[in-house]
Amino acid sequence: MPAGAARGVTMNNVYRWQRVGDRLRLYHERFGTDAAVFLFELVAESADRLICQQPHLCGDDVYRGTLVLAETGFDLDWSITGPRKDEHLHYRYRGS
């Protein structure tokens, strides 16, 4: 539950990951697979860290992502900034 919230917020996002050479492209499929929104390409900064090559612009908002490999998966950190946004999201993806 978000800090200070009276109740939980249900969310559902669908992302498409596409490997293209040494890059990893990320798409958001909130409008379906045929209308996926390209977000950014992640490129290697080190052996276990990928950063977005160019941020995704949505109006005045700027979306950036960093992916860090973990032993059983990866973490994806989002930074969203703009005139009305100053957000940081942390997603953990783990295998079973």
Protein backbone atom coordinates (compact mmCIF):
# COMPACT_ATOMS: atom_id res chain seq x y z
CA MET A 1 0.00 0.00 0.00
CA PRO A 2 1.37 3.48 -0.82
CA ALA A 3 2.59 5.45 2.21
CA GLY A 4 -0.25 7.46 3.74
CA ALA A 5 -2.94 5.70 1.67
CA ALA A 6 -6.18 4.60 3.31
CA ARG A 7 -6.45 1.53 1.06
CA GLY A 8 -4.39 -0.42 -1.43
CA VAL A 9 -4.20 0.41 -5.12
CA THR A 10 -4.62 -2.39 -7.65
CA MET A 11 -2.36 -2.05 -10.68
CA ASN A 12 -1.64 -4.20 -13.69
CA ASN A 13 1.04 -3.49 -16.28
CA VAL A 14 2.12 -5.60 -19.23
CA TYR A 15 5.59 -5.06 -20.64
CA ARG A 16 7.25 -6.55 -23.69
CA TRP A 17 10.98 -7.20 -23.54
CA GLN A 18 12.75 -7.55 -26.89
CA ARG A 19 16.43 -8.33 -27.35
CA VAL A 20 17.99 -6.58 -30.34
CA GLY A 21 21.69 -7.32 -30.66
CA ASP A 22 23.37 -6.16 -27.45
CA ARG A 23 20.39 -4.01 -26.43
CA LEU A 24 17.14 -4.71 -24.63
CA ARG A 25 14.03 -2.84 -25.76
CA LEU A 26 11.13 -2.25 -23.41
CA TYR A 27 7.54 -1.66 -24.54
CA HIS A 28 4.40 -0.97 -22.52
CA GLU A 29 1.36 -2.90 -23.77
CA ARG A 30 -1.37 -1.10 -21.85
CA PHE A 31 -3.28 -0.65 -25.13
CA GLY A 32 -2.63 -4.26 -26.23
CA THR A 33 0.11 -6.03 -28.17
CA ASP A 34 -0.79 -4.34 -31.46
CA ALA A 35 -0.53 -0.85 -29.94
CA ALA A 36 2.50 -1.27 -27.70
CA VAL A 37 4.24 1.95 -26.65
CA PHE A 38 8.04 1.91 -27.05
CA LEU A 39 9.65 3.15 -23.85
CA PHE A 40 13.42 2.89 -24.27
CA GLU A 41 16.41 0.70 -25.05
CA LEU A 42 18.63 -0.50 -22.25
CA VAL A 43 22.37 -0.77 -22.92
CA ALA A 44 25.12 -2.29 -20.78
CA GLU A 45 26.85 0.08 -18.40
CA SER A 46 28.66 -2.80 -16.67
CA ALA A 47 28.47 -6.60 -16.51
CA ASP A 48 25.38 -6.52 -14.27
CA ARG A 49 23.81 -3.13 -14.96
CA LEU A 50 21.89 -1.76 -17.95
CA ILE A 51 20.75 1.84 -18.33
CA CYS A 52 18.32 3.46 -20.75
CA GLN A 53 20.08 4.92 -23.76
CA GLN A 54 17.59 7.76 -24.16
CA PRO A 55 14.71 8.53 -21.80
CA HIS A 56 11.09 8.13 -22.85
CA LEU A 57 9.23 11.43 -23.13
CA CYS A 58 5.50 11.50 -22.41
CA GLY A 59 4.35 15.08 -22.63
CA ASP A 60 6.49 16.98 -20.15
CA ASP A 61 7.30 13.81 -18.17
CA VAL A 62 10.65 12.02 -18.54
CA TYR A 63 10.87 8.27 -17.88
CA ARG A 64 14.25 6.61 -17.26
CA GLY A 65 15.05 3.03 -16.35
CA THR A 66 17.95 1.09 -14.89
CA LEU A 67 18.09 -2.70 -14.81
CA VAL A 68 20.38 -4.52 -12.37
CA LEU A 69 20.92 -8.26 -12.70
CA ALA A 70 20.49 -10.35 -9.55
CA GLU A 71 21.29 -14.00 -8.84
CA THR A 72 17.77 -15.25 -9.64
CA GLY A 73 16.35 -12.39 -11.73
CA PHE A 74 16.68 -8.62 -11.97
CA ASP A 75 15.54 -5.32 -10.51
CA LEU A 76 14.13 -2.51 -12.65
CA ASP A 77 14.25 1.00 -11.22
CA TRP A 78 12.14 3.74 -12.78
CA SER A 79 12.63 7.48 -12.43
CA ILE A 80 9.75 9.67 -13.60
CA THR A 81 10.20 13.43 -13.46
CA GLY A 82 8.25 16.36 -14.79
CA PRO A 83 6.34 19.46 -13.74
CA ARG A 84 3.81 17.33 -11.83
CA LYS A 85 5.82 14.14 -11.21
CA ASP A 86 8.73 13.14 -9.06
CA GLU A 87 8.44 9.38 -8.72
CA HIS A 88 10.72 6.43 -8.15
CA LEU A 89 9.46 2.87 -8.70
CA HIS A 90 11.34 -0.32 -7.90
CA TYR A 91 10.25 -3.59 -9.53
CA ARG A 92 11.77 -6.96 -8.53
CA TYR A 93 11.59 -9.81 -11.03
CA ARG A 94 12.62 -13.22 -9.64
CA GLY A 95 12.48 -16.76 -10.93
CA SER A 96 11.24 -19.61 -8.84
